[in-house]
Amino acid sequence: MTQNQDLHKSLEMFTNRHEELLQKINILEQENNDYKKRVCVLEHKLNHLERNASTTTIEIRNLFKQSNENKEALTHIIQKLGSTLGLETSIQESEIRNIYRFRSETLVVDFTTSLREESIISKYKIYNKAKREGREPQLNSNHINLPGPSRPIYISEYLTSKVRRLFYLARENVKNRKLVAAWTTHGKVYVKKEEGAAPIRIEEENDLQKFKPR
C-alpha cells in the first residue's frame, strides 16, 4: 500500500511540475509575442520618421565615381540631369541642401523643397516612357556627357531601410516572373501581378509570398 501511495505521490508531483512548466512556457510565449508586437510598432514608427525626413531627397543610381570628384562637380551633374529631363526651371545650386555618395555608384541629393524632388522623379518617368515608346535608349550616362561606356541611370525617391528591402524583394519577384512590375510612389511599394491588373501595395515581406511564377 505504501508503495502505491509513493507512486501516486510521485505521479502527482510530476503532473504538477508538468503543469507548472506548461504555464511558464505559455507565459514566455505570450511575452515573446508581446515583444514582437512592440518591435513591429517601433519599426513602423522608425519607418514613418525616416520617410518624413526624406521627402525632399532622391537617389541617382549607377553613376560611377569620377576622378577628382567634388561637390561642385556633383552639383553640375544634377543640373545637367535636370536640363536633359526637361525641367521647367533649371536647378539652382541654392536648391541643393546636400549631395553625397551612398556607396560607390549611388548619388543622394537632398533638395530644399519636396516640389523639386517630385518634379525630377516625374520628369524622369515621362522622359523614359517617351524613349521606350520611340524605341530609343532610356536615360543613360551619354545623355549627360559622362566619360566611359554608356550606362543606364536610375532615379528614384530616397527609400527608408524597410521600403528599400521591400522594393528589392519586389524587383526579385519581377525577375522570377512572379510579377510584371514593381515601383515606388511616395515612399510606398506597389506591384502588378499581370498587365492591366490593379496595383497592389506591399507593406510587409509576407505580402510577397503569395505570388507564384506565371
N, C-alpha and C. Protein backbone atom coordinates (compact mmCIF):
# COMPACT_ATOMS: atom_id res chain seq x y z
N MET A 1 0.83 -1.21 0.00
CA MET A 1 0.00 0.00 0.00
C MET A 1 0.86 1.25 0.00
N THR A 2 1.94 1.17 0.81
CA THR A 2 2.86 2.30 0.88
C THR A 2 3.51 2.56 -0.46
N GLN A 3 3.83 1.48 -1.15
CA GLN A 3 4.46 1.62 -2.47
C GLN A 3 3.52 2.31 -3.45
N ASN A 4 2.24 1.95 -3.40
CA ASN A 4 1.25 2.58 -4.28
C ASN A 4 1.06 4.05 -3.94
N GLN A 5 1.09 4.35 -2.64
CA GLN A 5 0.96 5.74 -2.21
C GLN A 5 2.14 6.58 -2.70
N ASP A 6 3.33 5.98 -2.57
CA ASP A 6 4.54 6.68 -3.05
C ASP A 6 4.47 6.92 -4.55
N LEU A 7 4.01 5.91 -5.26
CA LEU A 7 3.89 6.04 -6.72
C LEU A 7 2.87 7.12 -7.08
N HIS A 8 1.77 7.14 -6.34
CA HIS A 8 0.73 8.14 -6.59
C HIS A 8 1.25 9.56 -6.32
N LYS A 9 2.00 9.70 -5.21
CA LYS A 9 2.57 11.00 -4.88
C LYS A 9 3.57 11.45 -5.94
N SER A 10 4.39 10.50 -6.39
CA SER A 10 5.38 10.83 -7.43
C SER A 10 4.70 11.27 -8.71
N LEU A 11 3.64 10.54 -9.06
CA LEU A 11 2.90 10.89 -10.28
C LEU A 11 2.24 12.25 -10.14
N GLU A 12 1.69 12.50 -8.95
CA GLU A 12 1.05 13.79 -8.70
C GLU A 12 2.06 14.93 -8.77
N MET A 13 3.25 14.71 -8.19
CA MET A 13 4.31 15.73 -8.25
C MET A 13 4.74 15.98 -9.69
N PHE A 14 4.87 14.89 -10.44
CA PHE A 14 5.27 15.02 -11.84
C PHE A 14 4.23 15.81 -12.64
N THR A 15 2.95 15.48 -12.36
CA THR A 15 1.86 16.17 -13.06
C THR A 15 1.85 17.66 -12.72
N ASN A 16 2.02 17.95 -11.43
CA ASN A 16 2.05 19.36 -11.01
C ASN A 16 3.22 20.10 -11.63
N ARG A 17 4.38 19.41 -11.64
CA ARG A 17 5.57 20.04 -12.23
C ARG A 17 5.38 20.27 -13.73
N HIS A 18 4.76 19.31 -14.37
CA HIS A 18 4.49 19.43 -15.81
C HIS A 18 3.57 20.62 -16.09
N GLU A 19 2.55 20.77 -15.26
CA GLU A 19 1.62 21.89 -15.43
C GLU A 19 2.31 23.23 -15.18
N GLU A 20 3.20 23.26 -14.19
CA GLU A 20 3.95 24.48 -13.91
C GLU A 20 4.81 24.88 -15.11
N LEU A 21 5.47 23.87 -15.68
CA LEU A 21 6.32 24.14 -16.85
C LEU A 21 5.49 24.63 -18.03
N LEU A 22 4.33 24.01 -18.22
CA LEU A 22 3.46 24.45 -19.31
C LEU A 22 3.01 25.89 -19.12
N GLN A 23 2.69 26.25 -17.87
CA GLN A 23 2.29 27.62 -17.58
C GLN A 23 3.43 28.60 -17.86
N LYS A 24 4.64 28.21 -17.48
CA LYS A 24 5.80 29.07 -17.73
C LYS A 24 6.05 29.23 -19.23
N ILE A 25 5.89 28.12 -19.96
CA ILE A 25 6.06 28.18 -21.41
C ILE A 25 5.03 29.10 -22.04
N ASN A 26 3.79 28.99 -21.57
CA ASN A 26 2.72 29.86 -22.10
C ASN A 26 3.01 31.33 -21.81
N ILE A 27 3.51 31.58 -20.59
CA ILE A 27 3.85 32.96 -20.22
C ILE A 27 4.97 33.49 -21.10
N LEU A 28 6.01 32.65 -21.31
CA LEU A 28 7.14 33.06 -22.15
C LEU A 28 6.71 33.30 -23.59
N GLU A 29 5.82 32.43 -24.09
CA GLU A 29 5.32 32.61 -25.46
C GLU A 29 4.53 33.91 -25.58
N GLN A 30 3.72 34.21 -24.57
CA GLN A 30 2.95 35.44 -24.58
C GLN A 30 3.86 36.66 -24.53
N GLU A 31 4.90 36.58 -23.68
CA GLU A 31 5.86 37.69 -23.59
C GLU A 31 6.59 37.87 -24.91
N ASN A 32 6.94 36.74 -25.55
CA ASN A 32 7.62 36.81 -26.84
C ASN A 32 6.74 37.46 -27.89
N ASN A 33 5.47 37.10 -27.90
CA ASN A 33 4.53 37.71 -28.85
C ASN A 33 4.37 39.20 -28.58
N ASP A 34 4.33 39.56 -27.29
CA ASP A 34 4.22 40.98 -26.93
C ASP A 34 5.44 41.76 -27.41
N TYR A 35 6.63 41.16 -27.23
CA TYR A 35 7.86 41.82 -27.68
C TYR A 35 7.86 42.00 -29.19
N LYS A 36 7.39 40.97 -29.91
CA LYS A 36 7.34 41.06 -31.37
C LYS A 36 6.41 42.19 -31.81
N LYS A 37 5.28 42.31 -31.12
CA LYS A 37 4.34 43.38 -31.45
C LYS A 37 4.96 44.75 -31.20
N ARG A 38 5.69 44.86 -30.08
CA ARG A 38 6.33 46.13 -29.76
C ARG A 38 7.40 46.47 -30.80
N VAL A 39 8.18 45.45 -31.20
CA VAL A 39 9.20 45.68 -32.22
C VAL A 39 8.56 46.13 -33.52
N CYS A 40 7.43 45.50 -33.88
CA CYS A 40 6.73 45.85 -35.11
C CYS A 40 6.25 47.30 -35.06
N VAL A 41 5.70 47.71 -33.91
CA VAL A 41 5.24 49.09 -33.73
C VAL A 41 6.40 50.06 -33.86
N LEU A 42 7.53 49.72 -33.22
CA LEU A 42 8.71 50.59 -33.29
C LEU A 42 9.25 50.68 -34.71
N GLU A 43 9.23 49.56 -35.45
CA GLU A 43 9.69 49.57 -36.84
C GLU A 43 8.82 50.49 -37.68
N HIS A 44 7.51 50.43 -37.46
CA HIS A 44 6.59 51.31 -38.20
C HIS A 44 6.86 52.78 -37.88
N LYS A 45 7.09 53.07 -36.60
CA LYS A 45 7.38 54.44 -36.20
C LYS A 45 8.69 54.92 -36.81
N LEU A 46 9.71 54.06 -36.77
CA LEU A 46 11.01 54.42 -37.35
C LEU A 46 10.88 54.65 -38.84
N ASN A 47 10.14 53.78 -39.53
CA ASN A 47 9.95 53.94 -40.97
C ASN A 47 9.23 55.25 -41.27
N HIS A 48 8.24 55.59 -40.44
CA HIS A 48 7.50 56.85 -40.62
C HIS A 48 8.41 58.05 -40.42
N LEU A 49 9.26 58.00 -39.39
CA LEU A 49 10.18 59.10 -39.13
C LEU A 49 11.20 59.24 -40.26
N GLU A 50 11.72 58.10 -40.73
CA GLU A 50 12.68 58.13 -41.84
C GLU A 50 12.04 58.73 -43.08
N ARG A 51 10.80 58.32 -43.35
CA ARG A 51 10.11 58.81 -44.54
C ARG A 51 9.89 60.31 -44.47
N ASN A 52 9.46 60.79 -43.30
CA ASN A 52 9.22 62.23 -43.14
C ASN A 52 10.50 63.04 -43.31
N ALA A 53 11.63 62.43 -42.96
CA ALA A 53 12.91 63.13 -43.05
C ALA A 53 13.50 63.07 -44.46
N SER A 54 12.88 62.29 -45.36
CA SER A 54 13.48 62.12 -46.69
C SER A 54 12.54 62.50 -47.83
N THR A 55 11.53 63.30 -47.55
CA THR A 55 10.56 63.67 -48.60
C THR A 55 11.15 64.62 -49.64
N THR A 56 12.33 65.15 -49.37
CA THR A 56 12.95 66.08 -50.33
C THR A 56 14.18 65.46 -50.99
N THR A 57 14.35 64.15 -50.83
CA THR A 57 15.60 63.50 -51.25
C THR A 57 15.38 62.50 -52.37
N ILE A 58 16.33 62.46 -53.31
CA ILE A 58 16.30 61.47 -54.39
C ILE A 58 17.60 60.67 -54.39
N GLU A 59 17.53 59.50 -55.04
CA GLU A 59 18.71 58.67 -55.28
C GLU A 59 18.95 58.59 -56.78
N ILE A 60 20.20 58.71 -57.17
CA ILE A 60 20.57 58.51 -58.57
C ILE A 60 21.56 57.36 -58.59
N ARG A 61 21.15 56.25 -59.18
CA ARG A 61 21.96 55.03 -59.13
C ARG A 61 22.67 54.75 -60.45
N ASN A 62 23.73 53.97 -60.33
CA ASN A 62 24.53 53.51 -61.47
C ASN A 62 25.40 54.62 -62.05
N LEU A 63 25.81 55.54 -61.20
CA LEU A 63 26.73 56.61 -61.61
C LEU A 63 28.12 56.31 -61.05
N PHE A 64 29.05 56.00 -61.92
CA PHE A 64 30.42 55.75 -61.47
C PHE A 64 31.03 57.01 -60.89
N LYS A 65 31.83 56.84 -59.87
CA LYS A 65 32.53 57.98 -59.29
C LYS A 65 33.59 58.47 -60.26
N GLN A 66 33.61 59.78 -60.49
CA GLN A 66 34.56 60.38 -61.41
C GLN A 66 35.84 60.76 -60.67
N SER A 67 36.92 60.87 -61.43
CA SER A 67 38.20 61.28 -60.83
C SER A 67 38.11 62.74 -60.37
N ASN A 68 38.76 63.04 -59.26
CA ASN A 68 38.76 64.40 -58.69
C ASN A 68 37.34 64.93 -58.47
N GLU A 69 36.46 64.05 -58.06
CA GLU A 69 35.07 64.45 -57.86
C GLU A 69 34.92 65.30 -56.60
N ASN A 70 34.15 66.36 -56.69
CA ASN A 70 33.86 67.20 -55.53
C ASN A 70 32.40 67.65 -55.59
N LYS A 71 31.99 68.43 -54.61
CA LYS A 71 30.59 68.84 -54.52
C LYS A 71 30.17 69.69 -55.71
N GLU A 72 31.08 70.52 -56.18
CA GLU A 72 30.77 71.37 -57.34
C GLU A 72 30.52 70.52 -58.57
N ALA A 73 31.36 69.48 -58.77
CA ALA A 73 31.19 68.60 -59.92
C ALA A 73 29.88 67.82 -59.83
N LEU A 74 29.54 67.36 -58.63
CA LEU A 74 28.29 66.63 -58.44
C LEU A 74 27.08 67.52 -58.68
N THR A 75 27.18 68.76 -58.25
CA THR A 75 26.09 69.72 -58.48
C THR A 75 25.89 69.94 -59.97
N HIS A 76 26.99 70.01 -60.71
CA HIS A 76 26.90 70.19 -62.16
C HIS A 76 26.20 69.00 -62.81
N ILE A 77 26.48 67.78 -62.32
CA ILE A 77 25.82 66.58 -62.85
C ILE A 77 24.32 66.67 -62.64
N ILE A 78 23.91 67.11 -61.45
CA ILE A 78 22.48 67.23 -61.14
C ILE A 78 21.83 68.27 -62.04
N GLN A 79 22.51 69.37 -62.25
CA GLN A 79 21.97 70.42 -63.12
C GLN A 79 21.85 69.93 -64.56
N LYS A 80 22.83 69.16 -65.01
CA LYS A 80 22.79 68.61 -66.35
C LYS A 80 21.64 67.60 -66.49
N LEU A 81 21.43 66.81 -65.45
CA LEU A 81 20.31 65.87 -65.46
C LEU A 81 18.98 66.60 -65.59
N GLY A 82 18.83 67.67 -64.81
CA GLY A 82 17.60 68.45 -64.86
C GLY A 82 17.35 69.01 -66.24
N SER A 83 18.40 69.50 -66.87
CA SER A 83 18.29 70.05 -68.22
C SER A 83 17.90 68.96 -69.22
N THR A 84 18.53 67.79 -69.10
CA THR A 84 18.25 66.68 -70.01
C THR A 84 16.81 66.20 -69.87
N LEU A 85 16.32 66.16 -68.65
CA LEU A 85 14.95 65.69 -68.41
C LEU A 85 13.90 66.71 -68.81
N GLY A 86 14.32 67.96 -69.03
CA GLY A 86 13.39 68.98 -69.48
C GLY A 86 12.61 69.65 -68.36
N LEU A 87 13.27 69.88 -67.22
CA LEU A 87 12.60 70.60 -66.14
C LEU A 87 12.21 72.00 -66.59
N GLU A 88 11.07 72.47 -66.10
CA GLU A 88 10.59 73.80 -66.49
C GLU A 88 11.55 74.90 -66.04
N THR A 89 12.14 74.72 -64.88
CA THR A 89 13.13 75.69 -64.38
C THR A 89 14.41 74.95 -64.04
N SER A 90 15.54 75.55 -64.33
CA SER A 90 16.83 74.91 -64.08
C SER A 90 17.08 74.79 -62.58
N ILE A 91 17.85 73.79 -62.20
CA ILE A 91 18.16 73.56 -60.79
C ILE A 91 19.24 74.53 -60.35
N GLN A 92 18.94 75.31 -59.34
CA GLN A 92 19.91 76.26 -58.80
C GLN A 92 20.72 75.60 -57.68
N GLU A 93 21.95 76.03 -57.56
CA GLU A 93 22.81 75.49 -56.51
C GLU A 93 22.19 75.68 -55.13
N SER A 94 21.48 76.78 -54.95
CA SER A 94 20.86 77.08 -53.66
C SER A 94 19.71 76.12 -53.32
N GLU A 95 19.22 75.38 -54.33
CA GLU A 95 18.14 74.43 -54.09
C GLU A 95 18.65 73.10 -53.54
N ILE A 96 19.95 72.89 -53.61
CA ILE A 96 20.53 71.62 -53.17
C ILE A 96 21.04 71.78 -51.73
N ARG A 97 20.33 71.16 -50.80
CA ARG A 97 20.72 71.26 -49.40
C ARG A 97 21.97 70.42 -49.13
N ASN A 98 22.01 69.23 -49.73
CA ASN A 98 23.16 68.34 -49.53
C ASN A 98 23.25 67.38 -50.70
N ILE A 99 24.47 66.94 -50.98
CA ILE A 99 24.70 65.98 -52.05
C ILE A 99 25.91 65.14 -51.68
N TYR A 100 25.76 63.81 -51.76
CA TYR A 100 26.86 62.94 -51.33
C TYR A 100 26.71 61.55 -51.95
N ARG A 101 27.78 60.80 -51.86
CA ARG A 101 27.79 59.44 -52.36
C ARG A 101 27.26 58.48 -51.29
N PHE A 102 26.40 57.57 -51.71
CA PHE A 102 25.95 56.47 -50.87
C PHE A 102 26.37 55.20 -51.59
N ARG A 103 27.44 54.58 -51.12
CA ARG A 103 28.12 53.54 -51.88
C ARG A 103 28.76 54.19 -53.11
N SER A 104 29.51 53.41 -53.85
CA SER A 104 30.34 54.00 -54.91
C SER A 104 29.55 54.44 -56.14
N GLU A 105 28.38 53.85 -56.39
CA GLU A 105 27.66 54.15 -57.63
C GLU A 105 26.31 54.82 -57.40
N THR A 106 26.06 55.27 -56.20
CA THR A 106 24.78 55.92 -55.89
C THR A 106 25.00 57.32 -55.35
N LEU A 107 24.26 58.25 -55.93
CA LEU A 107 24.34 59.65 -55.51
C LEU A 107 23.03 60.00 -54.79
N VAL A 108 23.16 60.61 -53.62
CA VAL A 108 21.99 61.05 -52.85
C VAL A 108 21.94 62.56 -52.88
N VAL A 109 20.79 63.10 -53.28
CA VAL A 109 20.63 64.55 -53.37
C VAL A 109 19.44 64.97 -52.52
N ASP A 110 19.69 65.87 -51.59
CA ASP A 110 18.63 66.41 -50.73
C ASP A 110 18.34 67.85 -51.15
N PHE A 111 17.13 68.08 -51.64
CA PHE A 111 16.73 69.42 -52.08
C PHE A 111 16.08 70.20 -50.93
N THR A 112 15.90 71.46 -51.14
CA THR A 112 15.30 72.30 -50.10
C THR A 112 13.78 72.19 -50.07
N THR A 113 13.18 71.67 -51.15
CA THR A 113 11.72 71.51 -51.20
C THR A 113 11.34 70.15 -51.79
N SER A 114 10.19 69.65 -51.37
CA SER A 114 9.70 68.39 -51.93
C SER A 114 9.19 68.58 -53.36
N LEU A 115 8.82 69.81 -53.72
CA LEU A 115 8.36 70.07 -55.08
C LEU A 115 9.44 69.78 -56.10
N ARG A 116 10.68 70.14 -55.78
CA ARG A 116 11.78 69.87 -56.70
C ARG A 116 12.03 68.36 -56.80
N GLU A 117 11.98 67.69 -55.68
CA GLU A 117 12.16 66.23 -55.69
C GLU A 117 11.10 65.56 -56.55
N GLU A 118 9.85 65.96 -56.37
CA GLU A 118 8.75 65.37 -57.12
C GLU A 118 8.84 65.69 -58.61
N SER A 119 9.27 66.91 -58.95
CA SER A 119 9.35 67.30 -60.36
C SER A 119 10.41 66.48 -61.09
N ILE A 120 11.53 66.20 -60.44
CA ILE A 120 12.59 65.43 -61.09
C ILE A 120 12.14 63.99 -61.33
N ILE A 121 11.53 63.37 -60.33
CA ILE A 121 11.08 61.99 -60.48
C ILE A 121 9.99 61.90 -61.55
N SER A 122 9.08 62.87 -61.56
CA SER A 122 8.02 62.88 -62.56
C SER A 122 8.59 63.03 -63.97
N LYS A 123 9.51 63.97 -64.15
CA LYS A 123 10.12 64.18 -65.47
C LYS A 123 10.94 62.97 -65.90
N TYR A 124 11.58 62.32 -64.96
CA TYR A 124 12.37 61.12 -65.26
C TYR A 124 11.47 60.02 -65.83
N LYS A 125 10.31 59.81 -65.21
CA LYS A 125 9.38 58.79 -65.69
C LYS A 125 8.83 59.15 -67.07
N ILE A 126 8.49 60.43 -67.26
CA ILE A 126 7.98 60.88 -68.56
C ILE A 126 9.04 60.72 -69.64
N TYR A 127 10.27 61.08 -69.31
CA TYR A 127 11.39 61.00 -70.25
C TYR A 127 11.60 59.56 -70.71
N ASN A 128 11.69 58.64 -69.75
CA ASN A 128 11.95 57.24 -70.10
C ASN A 128 10.78 56.62 -70.85
N LYS A 129 9.56 57.01 -70.49
CA LYS A 129 8.40 56.48 -71.20
C LYS A 129 8.43 56.90 -72.67
N ALA A 130 8.77 58.15 -72.91
CA ALA A 130 8.86 58.65 -74.29
C ALA A 130 9.96 57.92 -75.06
N LYS A 131 11.07 57.66 -74.39
CA LYS A 131 12.17 56.95 -75.04
C LYS A 131 11.77 55.51 -75.37
N ARG A 132 11.07 54.86 -74.44
CA ARG A 132 10.63 53.48 -74.70
C ARG A 132 9.68 53.43 -75.88
N GLU A 133 8.73 54.36 -75.90
CA GLU A 133 7.75 54.38 -76.99
C GLU A 133 8.42 54.66 -78.33
N GLY A 134 9.49 55.45 -78.30
CA GLY A 134 10.23 55.74 -79.53
C GLY A 134 11.34 54.74 -79.80
N ARG A 135 11.41 53.70 -78.95
CA ARG A 135 12.43 52.66 -79.07
C ARG A 135 13.84 53.25 -79.10
N GLU A 136 14.03 54.22 -78.25
CA GLU A 136 15.33 54.86 -78.10
C GLU A 136 15.91 54.50 -76.73
N PRO A 137 17.23 54.65 -76.56
CA PRO A 137 17.84 54.36 -75.26
C PRO A 137 17.26 55.27 -74.18
N GLN A 138 16.93 54.68 -73.04
CA GLN A 138 16.44 55.47 -71.92
C GLN A 138 17.61 56.20 -71.27
N LEU A 139 17.29 57.01 -70.26
CA LEU A 139 18.30 57.88 -69.64
C LEU A 139 19.57 57.10 -69.31
N ASN A 140 20.69 57.61 -69.82
CA ASN A 140 21.97 56.96 -69.55
C ASN A 140 23.08 58.01 -69.45
N SER A 141 24.27 57.53 -69.14
CA SER A 141 25.40 58.44 -68.88
C SER A 141 25.79 59.26 -70.10
N ASN A 142 25.52 58.75 -71.30
CA ASN A 142 25.85 59.52 -72.51
C ASN A 142 25.00 60.79 -72.62
N HIS A 143 23.77 60.72 -72.11
CA HIS A 143 22.87 61.87 -72.20
C HIS A 143 23.37 63.07 -71.40
N ILE A 144 24.19 62.82 -70.39
CA ILE A 144 24.71 63.94 -69.58
C ILE A 144 26.22 64.07 -69.75
N ASN A 145 26.72 63.47 -70.85
CA ASN A 145 28.12 63.64 -71.26
C ASN A 145 29.14 63.17 -70.23
N LEU A 146 28.84 62.05 -69.58
CA LEU A 146 29.82 61.48 -68.66
C LEU A 146 30.78 60.58 -69.44
N PRO A 147 32.05 60.57 -69.08
CA PRO A 147 33.02 59.74 -69.80
C PRO A 147 32.78 58.26 -69.57
N GLY A 148 33.30 57.44 -70.48
CA GLY A 148 33.17 55.99 -70.34
C GLY A 148 32.01 55.44 -71.14
N PRO A 149 31.87 54.11 -71.14
CA PRO A 149 30.78 53.48 -71.88
C PRO A 149 29.42 53.88 -71.32
N SER A 150 28.41 53.79 -72.17
CA SER A 150 27.05 54.17 -71.77
C SER A 150 26.53 53.26 -70.67
N ARG A 151 25.99 53.88 -69.63
CA ARG A 151 25.40 53.13 -68.52
C ARG A 151 24.02 53.71 -68.20
N PRO A 152 23.00 52.86 -68.03
CA PRO A 152 21.67 53.39 -67.68
C PRO A 152 21.71 54.10 -66.34
N ILE A 153 20.95 55.16 -66.22
CA ILE A 153 20.87 55.93 -64.97
C ILE A 153 19.46 55.77 -64.40
N TYR A 154 19.40 55.45 -63.12
CA TYR A 154 18.12 55.24 -62.45
C TYR A 154 17.91 56.31 -61.38
N ILE A 155 16.75 56.93 -61.41
CA ILE A 155 16.42 57.97 -60.42
C ILE A 155 15.17 57.54 -59.66
N SER A 156 15.22 57.66 -58.36
CA SER A 156 14.06 57.30 -57.54
C SER A 156 14.05 58.14 -56.28
N GLU A 157 12.92 58.15 -55.61
CA GLU A 157 12.86 58.81 -54.31
C GLU A 157 13.74 58.04 -53.33
N TYR A 158 14.22 58.73 -52.32
CA TYR A 158 15.06 58.10 -51.31
C TYR A 158 14.17 57.21 -50.44
N LEU A 159 14.55 55.95 -50.31
CA LEU A 159 13.72 54.99 -49.61
C LEU A 159 14.24 54.70 -48.21
N THR A 160 13.32 54.47 -47.29
CA THR A 160 13.72 54.06 -45.95
C THR A 160 14.29 52.65 -46.00
N SER A 161 14.94 52.23 -44.94
CA SER A 161 15.56 50.91 -44.91
C SER A 161 14.55 49.80 -45.17
N LYS A 162 13.39 49.91 -44.53
CA LYS A 162 12.36 48.89 -44.70
C LYS A 162 11.83 48.87 -46.12
N VAL A 163 11.50 50.04 -46.66
CA VAL A 163 10.94 50.11 -48.01
C VAL A 163 11.98 49.69 -49.05
N ARG A 164 13.23 50.03 -48.80
CA ARG A 164 14.31 49.62 -49.72
C ARG A 164 14.37 48.10 -49.82
N ARG A 165 14.24 47.45 -48.67
CA ARG A 165 14.23 45.98 -48.64
C ARG A 165 13.02 45.43 -49.38
N LEU A 166 11.84 45.99 -49.12
CA LEU A 166 10.63 45.53 -49.79
C LEU A 166 10.72 45.71 -51.30
N PHE A 167 11.26 46.86 -51.73
CA PHE A 167 11.37 47.14 -53.15
C PHE A 167 12.34 46.17 -53.82
N TYR A 168 13.43 45.85 -53.13
CA TYR A 168 14.39 44.88 -53.66
C TYR A 168 13.71 43.52 -53.85
N LEU A 169 12.98 43.07 -52.85
CA LEU A 169 12.30 41.77 -52.94
C LEU A 169 11.24 41.79 -54.03
N ALA A 170 10.55 42.90 -54.19
CA ALA A 170 9.53 43.01 -55.24
C ALA A 170 10.18 42.91 -56.62
N ARG A 171 11.33 43.58 -56.80
CA ARG A 171 12.03 43.50 -58.09
C ARG A 171 12.53 42.09 -58.37
N GLU A 172 12.93 41.38 -57.31
CA GLU A 172 13.35 39.99 -57.47
C GLU A 172 12.17 39.14 -57.95
N ASN A 173 10.99 39.43 -57.46
CA ASN A 173 9.80 38.71 -57.91
C ASN A 173 9.50 38.99 -59.37
N VAL A 174 9.79 40.20 -59.82
CA VAL A 174 9.63 40.52 -61.24
C VAL A 174 10.62 39.70 -62.06
N LYS A 175 11.87 39.63 -61.60
CA LYS A 175 12.89 38.85 -62.30
C LYS A 175 12.50 37.37 -62.37
N ASN A 176 11.87 36.89 -61.30
CA ASN A 176 11.47 35.49 -61.23
C ASN A 176 10.11 35.23 -61.88
N ARG A 177 9.58 36.25 -62.56
CA ARG A 177 8.34 36.14 -63.31
C ARG A 177 7.12 35.85 -62.43
N LYS A 178 7.19 36.28 -61.19
CA LYS A 178 6.02 36.19 -60.32
C LYS A 178 5.15 37.44 -60.46
N LEU A 179 5.78 38.53 -60.89
CA LEU A 179 5.10 39.80 -61.08
C LEU A 179 5.55 40.41 -62.40
N VAL A 180 4.77 41.36 -62.92
CA VAL A 180 5.16 42.01 -64.17
C VAL A 180 5.78 43.39 -63.92
N ALA A 181 5.53 43.96 -62.73
CA ALA A 181 6.06 45.30 -62.46
C ALA A 181 6.14 45.55 -60.96
N ALA A 182 7.11 46.40 -60.59
CA ALA A 182 7.26 46.84 -59.20
C ALA A 182 7.79 48.26 -59.23
N TRP A 183 7.23 49.13 -58.39
CA TRP A 183 7.67 50.52 -58.38
C TRP A 183 7.37 51.14 -57.02
N THR A 184 7.89 52.34 -56.81
CA THR A 184 7.60 53.06 -55.57
C THR A 184 6.95 54.41 -55.89
N THR A 185 6.06 54.82 -55.03
CA THR A 185 5.42 56.13 -55.12
C THR A 185 5.21 56.67 -53.72
N HIS A 186 5.75 57.86 -53.47
CA HIS A 186 5.62 58.49 -52.15
C HIS A 186 6.05 57.55 -51.02
N GLY A 187 7.16 56.87 -51.25
CA GLY A 187 7.72 56.01 -50.21
C GLY A 187 6.99 54.70 -49.98
N LYS A 188 6.14 54.31 -50.91
CA LYS A 188 5.39 53.06 -50.78
C LYS A 188 5.67 52.17 -51.99
N VAL A 189 5.66 50.86 -51.77
CA VAL A 189 5.96 49.89 -52.82
C VAL A 189 4.66 49.34 -53.40
N TYR A 190 4.59 49.33 -54.73
CA TYR A 190 3.43 48.77 -55.43
C TYR A 190 3.90 47.75 -56.46
N VAL A 191 3.05 46.76 -56.73
CA VAL A 191 3.37 45.75 -57.73
C VAL A 191 2.14 45.47 -58.59
N LYS A 192 2.39 44.83 -59.74
CA LYS A 192 1.30 44.34 -60.58
C LYS A 192 1.55 42.87 -60.87
N LYS A 193 0.52 42.06 -60.68
CA LYS A 193 0.64 40.63 -60.94
C LYS A 193 0.62 40.34 -62.43
N GLU A 194 -0.13 41.13 -63.19
CA GLU A 194 -0.20 40.95 -64.64
C GLU A 194 -0.57 42.28 -65.29
N GLU A 195 -0.33 42.37 -66.59
CA GLU A 195 -0.63 43.60 -67.31
C GLU A 195 -2.12 43.92 -67.22
N GLY A 196 -2.42 45.17 -66.94
CA GLY A 196 -3.82 45.58 -66.85
C GLY A 196 -4.45 45.37 -65.49
N ALA A 197 -3.73 44.69 -64.60
CA ALA A 197 -4.27 44.44 -63.25
C ALA A 197 -4.12 45.68 -62.38
N ALA A 198 -4.91 45.75 -61.34
CA ALA A 198 -4.83 46.89 -60.41
C ALA A 198 -3.55 46.79 -59.58
N PRO A 199 -2.94 47.93 -59.25
CA PRO A 199 -1.73 47.91 -58.41
C PRO A 199 -2.04 47.34 -57.03
N ILE A 200 -1.07 46.64 -56.48
CA ILE A 200 -1.18 46.07 -55.14
C ILE A 200 -0.09 46.68 -54.27
N ARG A 201 -0.48 47.24 -53.14
CA ARG A 201 0.52 47.82 -52.25
C ARG A 201 1.17 46.73 -51.39
N ILE A 202 2.50 46.79 -51.27
CA ILE A 202 3.25 45.84 -50.46
C ILE A 202 3.69 46.54 -49.18
N GLU A 203 3.23 46.05 -48.04
CA GLU A 203 3.56 46.67 -46.76
C GLU A 203 4.52 45.84 -45.93
N GLU A 204 4.49 44.51 -46.12
CA GLU A 204 5.36 43.61 -45.37
C GLU A 204 5.92 42.56 -46.31
N GLU A 205 7.02 41.93 -45.90
CA GLU A 205 7.64 40.89 -46.74
C GLU A 205 6.67 39.74 -47.00
N ASN A 206 5.83 39.44 -46.02
CA ASN A 206 4.86 38.34 -46.19
C ASN A 206 3.89 38.60 -47.34
N ASP A 207 3.67 39.86 -47.67
CA ASP A 207 2.75 40.19 -48.77
C ASP A 207 3.25 39.65 -50.11
N LEU A 208 4.54 39.41 -50.22
CA LEU A 208 5.12 38.95 -51.49
C LEU A 208 5.13 37.42 -51.61
N GLN A 209 4.87 36.74 -50.51
CA GLN A 209 4.96 35.28 -50.53
C GLN A 209 3.80 34.61 -51.24
N LYS A 210 2.71 35.35 -51.45
CA LYS A 210 1.53 34.76 -52.08
C LYS A 210 1.63 34.67 -53.60
N PHE A 211 2.64 35.34 -54.18
CA PHE A 211 2.75 35.35 -55.64
C PHE A 211 3.54 34.14 -56.13
N LYS A 212 3.01 33.49 -57.16
CA LYS A 212 3.64 32.31 -57.74
C LYS A 212 4.10 32.63 -59.17
N PRO A 213 5.11 31.89 -59.68
CA PRO A 213 5.58 32.14 -61.05
C PRO A 213 4.45 31.98 -62.06
N ARG A 214 4.46 32.85 -63.06
CA ARG A 214 3.42 32.79 -64.08
C ARG A 214 3.73 31.71 -65.10
